[in-house]
Amino acid sequence: MTRNIKRLEQMGLIKRVTGKDHRKNIVELTSQALKQYPIWEQAANQLEEELLKELSKQKHDIVENITKNLIRKFKYRENK
């Protein structure tokens, strides 16, 4: 993970900010990354559409439900 963060930082896409608790670092997108974000989002949406188009409605609903649960759990952990 650290290697990926360093690489993104060297590319000018993220910056690290020390949190209130100096043991934590917050990773933020730079203005350069924010400009590119819509392109990344579109590519991710196209990939998702391509991957899910072959699934039945039932399987699509299962994948969507699992994804929502994972996001909810991640947000819960983030707010602890």
N, C-alpha and C. Protein backbone atom coordinates (compact mmCIF):
# COMPACT_ATOMS: atom_id res chain seq x y z
N MET A 1 0.83 -1.18 0.00
CA MET A 1 0.00 0.00 0.00
C MET A 1 0.87 1.25 0.00
N THR A 2 1.88 1.27 0.86
CA THR A 2 2.76 2.44 0.95
C THR A 2 3.44 2.72 -0.38
N ARG A 3 3.84 1.67 -1.07
CA ARG A 3 4.51 1.84 -2.36
C ARG A 3 3.57 2.50 -3.36
N ASN A 4 2.30 2.07 -3.37
CA ASN A 4 1.32 2.67 -4.29
C ASN A 4 1.07 4.13 -3.94
N ILE A 5 0.98 4.43 -2.67
CA ILE A 5 0.77 5.82 -2.25
C ILE A 5 1.95 6.68 -2.66
N LYS A 6 3.16 6.17 -2.46
CA LYS A 6 4.35 6.93 -2.86
C LYS A 6 4.36 7.19 -4.36
N ARG A 7 3.98 6.17 -5.12
CA ARG A 7 3.97 6.32 -6.58
C ARG A 7 2.94 7.37 -7.01
N LEU A 8 1.74 7.32 -6.42
CA LEU A 8 0.72 8.32 -6.75
C LEU A 8 1.14 9.71 -6.33
N GLU A 9 1.86 9.79 -5.21
CA GLU A 9 2.37 11.08 -4.74
C GLU A 9 3.41 11.63 -5.71
N GLN A 10 4.30 10.76 -6.20
CA GLN A 10 5.32 11.18 -7.15
C GLN A 10 4.70 11.62 -8.48
N MET A 11 3.56 11.04 -8.81
CA MET A 11 2.86 11.40 -10.05
C MET A 11 2.06 12.70 -9.88
N GLY A 12 2.02 13.22 -8.66
CA GLY A 12 1.31 14.47 -8.41
C GLY A 12 -0.19 14.30 -8.28
N LEU A 13 -0.66 13.06 -8.00
CA LEU A 13 -2.09 12.81 -7.94
C LEU A 13 -2.65 12.85 -6.53
N ILE A 14 -1.80 12.64 -5.54
CA ILE A 14 -2.24 12.71 -4.15
C ILE A 14 -1.23 13.48 -3.32
N LYS A 15 -1.68 13.91 -2.15
CA LYS A 15 -0.78 14.53 -1.20
C LYS A 15 -1.14 14.00 0.18
N ARG A 16 -0.15 13.88 1.03
CA ARG A 16 -0.37 13.42 2.40
C ARG A 16 -0.43 14.63 3.32
N VAL A 17 -1.41 14.60 4.21
CA VAL A 17 -1.59 15.67 5.19
C VAL A 17 -1.61 15.01 6.56
N THR A 18 -0.83 15.56 7.48
CA THR A 18 -0.81 15.00 8.83
C THR A 18 -2.12 15.35 9.52
N GLY A 19 -2.73 14.33 10.13
CA GLY A 19 -3.99 14.53 10.82
C GLY A 19 -3.81 15.20 12.17
N LYS A 20 -4.92 15.45 12.85
CA LYS A 20 -4.88 16.04 14.18
C LYS A 20 -4.05 15.18 15.12
N ASP A 21 -4.26 13.88 15.01
CA ASP A 21 -3.45 12.92 15.74
C ASP A 21 -2.23 12.65 14.85
N HIS A 22 -1.07 13.08 15.26
CA HIS A 22 0.13 13.04 14.40
C HIS A 22 0.54 11.63 14.00
N ARG A 23 -0.15 10.63 14.52
CA ARG A 23 0.14 9.25 14.12
C ARG A 23 -0.57 8.88 12.83
N LYS A 24 -1.49 9.73 12.39
CA LYS A 24 -2.28 9.44 11.19
C LYS A 24 -1.92 10.40 10.06
N ASN A 25 -1.96 9.87 8.85
CA ASN A 25 -1.80 10.68 7.65
C ASN A 25 -3.08 10.61 6.86
N ILE A 26 -3.53 11.73 6.35
CA ILE A 26 -4.71 11.78 5.50
C ILE A 26 -4.21 11.92 4.06
N VAL A 27 -4.78 11.13 3.17
CA VAL A 27 -4.39 11.17 1.76
C VAL A 27 -5.49 11.90 1.01
N GLU A 28 -5.11 12.95 0.28
CA GLU A 28 -6.06 13.76 -0.47
C GLU A 28 -5.68 13.80 -1.94
N LEU A 29 -6.68 13.93 -2.79
CA LEU A 29 -6.42 14.13 -4.21
C LEU A 29 -5.93 15.55 -4.45
N THR A 30 -4.98 15.69 -5.35
CA THR A 30 -4.49 17.03 -5.73
C THR A 30 -5.44 17.63 -6.76
N SER A 31 -5.24 18.89 -7.08
CA SER A 31 -6.08 19.54 -8.10
C SER A 31 -5.90 18.85 -9.45
N GLN A 32 -4.70 18.37 -9.72
CA GLN A 32 -4.44 17.63 -10.97
C GLN A 32 -5.30 16.37 -11.01
N ALA A 33 -5.37 15.64 -9.91
CA ALA A 33 -6.17 14.42 -9.85
C ALA A 33 -7.67 14.74 -9.95
N LEU A 34 -8.09 15.81 -9.31
CA LEU A 34 -9.50 16.19 -9.36
C LEU A 34 -9.95 16.52 -10.78
N LYS A 35 -9.04 17.08 -11.57
CA LYS A 35 -9.35 17.36 -12.98
C LYS A 35 -9.52 16.07 -13.77
N GLN A 36 -8.74 15.05 -13.42
CA GLN A 36 -8.78 13.76 -14.13
C GLN A 36 -9.87 12.83 -13.60
N TYR A 37 -10.40 13.13 -12.43
CA TYR A 37 -11.36 12.24 -11.79
C TYR A 37 -12.55 11.88 -12.68
N PRO A 38 -13.19 12.83 -13.38
CA PRO A 38 -14.33 12.45 -14.24
C PRO A 38 -13.96 11.40 -15.29
N ILE A 39 -12.74 11.46 -15.80
CA ILE A 39 -12.29 10.47 -16.80
C ILE A 39 -12.19 9.11 -16.14
N TRP A 40 -11.60 9.05 -14.94
CA TRP A 40 -11.47 7.78 -14.21
C TRP A 40 -12.84 7.21 -13.87
N GLU A 41 -13.75 8.11 -13.44
CA GLU A 41 -15.10 7.66 -13.06
C GLU A 41 -15.82 7.07 -14.26
N GLN A 42 -15.70 7.71 -15.41
CA GLN A 42 -16.33 7.21 -16.63
C GLN A 42 -15.76 5.83 -17.00
N ALA A 43 -14.45 5.68 -16.92
CA ALA A 43 -13.82 4.40 -17.25
C ALA A 43 -14.28 3.31 -16.29
N ALA A 44 -14.38 3.63 -14.99
CA ALA A 44 -14.84 2.66 -14.00
C ALA A 44 -16.29 2.27 -14.26
N ASN A 45 -17.12 3.24 -14.60
CA ASN A 45 -18.53 2.95 -14.90
C ASN A 45 -18.67 2.07 -16.13
N GLN A 46 -17.86 2.34 -17.16
CA GLN A 46 -17.90 1.52 -18.37
C GLN A 46 -17.46 0.09 -18.07
N LEU A 47 -16.42 -0.05 -17.26
CA LEU A 47 -15.94 -1.38 -16.90
C LEU A 47 -17.01 -2.13 -16.10
N GLU A 48 -17.62 -1.45 -15.15
CA GLU A 48 -18.68 -2.08 -14.35
C GLU A 48 -19.83 -2.54 -15.24
N GLU A 49 -20.22 -1.69 -16.16
CA GLU A 49 -21.31 -2.03 -17.07
C GLU A 49 -20.95 -3.25 -17.92
N GLU A 50 -19.72 -3.27 -18.40
CA GLU A 50 -19.25 -4.39 -19.23
C GLU A 50 -19.24 -5.69 -18.43
N LEU A 51 -18.78 -5.63 -17.19
CA LEU A 51 -18.71 -6.83 -16.36
C LEU A 51 -20.08 -7.35 -15.96
N LEU A 52 -21.02 -6.45 -15.73
CA LEU A 52 -22.33 -6.84 -15.22
C LEU A 52 -23.34 -7.17 -16.31
N LYS A 53 -23.07 -6.81 -17.55
CA LYS A 53 -24.07 -6.99 -18.60
C LYS A 53 -24.40 -8.46 -18.86
N GLU A 54 -23.50 -9.35 -18.56
CA GLU A 54 -23.73 -10.77 -18.80
C GLU A 54 -24.48 -11.45 -17.66
N LEU A 55 -24.67 -10.75 -16.54
CA LEU A 55 -25.33 -11.35 -15.39
C LEU A 55 -26.84 -11.25 -15.49
N SER A 56 -27.50 -12.25 -14.91
CA SER A 56 -28.96 -12.18 -14.82
C SER A 56 -29.33 -11.07 -13.84
N LYS A 57 -30.59 -10.67 -13.86
CA LYS A 57 -31.06 -9.64 -12.94
C LYS A 57 -30.84 -10.06 -11.49
N GLN A 58 -31.08 -11.32 -11.20
CA GLN A 58 -30.91 -11.82 -9.83
C GLN A 58 -29.45 -11.72 -9.39
N LYS A 59 -28.52 -12.14 -10.24
CA LYS A 59 -27.10 -12.08 -9.90
C LYS A 59 -26.62 -10.63 -9.82
N HIS A 60 -27.14 -9.79 -10.68
CA HIS A 60 -26.80 -8.37 -10.65
C HIS A 60 -27.22 -7.76 -9.31
N ASP A 61 -28.43 -8.10 -8.87
CA ASP A 61 -28.93 -7.61 -7.58
C ASP A 61 -28.06 -8.10 -6.42
N ILE A 62 -27.59 -9.33 -6.51
CA ILE A 62 -26.72 -9.89 -5.46
C ILE A 62 -25.40 -9.12 -5.40
N VAL A 63 -24.80 -8.88 -6.55
CA VAL A 63 -23.54 -8.13 -6.61
C VAL A 63 -23.75 -6.72 -6.06
N GLU A 64 -24.84 -6.08 -6.44
CA GLU A 64 -25.13 -4.73 -5.97
C GLU A 64 -25.32 -4.70 -4.45
N ASN A 65 -26.01 -5.69 -3.92
CA ASN A 65 -26.24 -5.77 -2.48
C ASN A 65 -24.93 -5.97 -1.72
N ILE A 66 -24.09 -6.86 -2.21
CA ILE A 66 -22.79 -7.10 -1.58
C ILE A 66 -21.94 -5.83 -1.61
N THR A 67 -21.92 -5.16 -2.74
CA THR A 67 -21.15 -3.92 -2.87
C THR A 67 -21.62 -2.86 -1.90
N LYS A 68 -22.92 -2.68 -1.78
CA LYS A 68 -23.47 -1.70 -0.84
C LYS A 68 -23.10 -2.04 0.59
N ASN A 69 -23.15 -3.33 0.94
CA ASN A 69 -22.77 -3.75 2.29
C ASN A 69 -21.29 -3.49 2.57
N LEU A 70 -20.45 -3.75 1.60
CA LEU A 70 -19.02 -3.49 1.77
C LEU A 70 -18.75 -2.00 1.96
N ILE A 71 -19.41 -1.18 1.17
CA ILE A 71 -19.24 0.27 1.30
C ILE A 71 -19.72 0.73 2.67
N ARG A 72 -20.85 0.22 3.11
CA ARG A 72 -21.39 0.59 4.42
C ARG A 72 -20.41 0.21 5.54
N LYS A 73 -19.86 -1.00 5.46
CA LYS A 73 -18.90 -1.45 6.47
C LYS A 73 -17.63 -0.62 6.45
N PHE A 74 -17.17 -0.26 5.27
CA PHE A 74 -15.97 0.56 5.15
C PHE A 74 -16.21 1.94 5.76
N LYS A 75 -17.35 2.53 5.46
CA LYS A 75 -17.66 3.85 6.02
C LYS A 75 -17.79 3.78 7.54
N TYR A 76 -18.35 2.69 8.06
CA TYR A 76 -18.47 2.52 9.51
C TYR A 76 -17.09 2.47 10.16
N ARG A 77 -16.20 1.69 9.57
CA ARG A 77 -14.83 1.57 10.09
C ARG A 77 -14.11 2.91 10.02
N GLU A 78 -14.37 3.66 8.97
CA GLU A 78 -13.73 4.96 8.76
C GLU A 78 -14.15 5.97 9.82
N ASN A 79 -15.39 5.86 10.30
CA ASN A 79 -15.93 6.81 11.26
C ASN A 79 -15.65 6.43 12.72
N LYS A 80 -15.02 5.31 12.95
CA LYS A 80 -14.73 4.88 14.33
C LYS A 80 -13.75 5.80 14.99
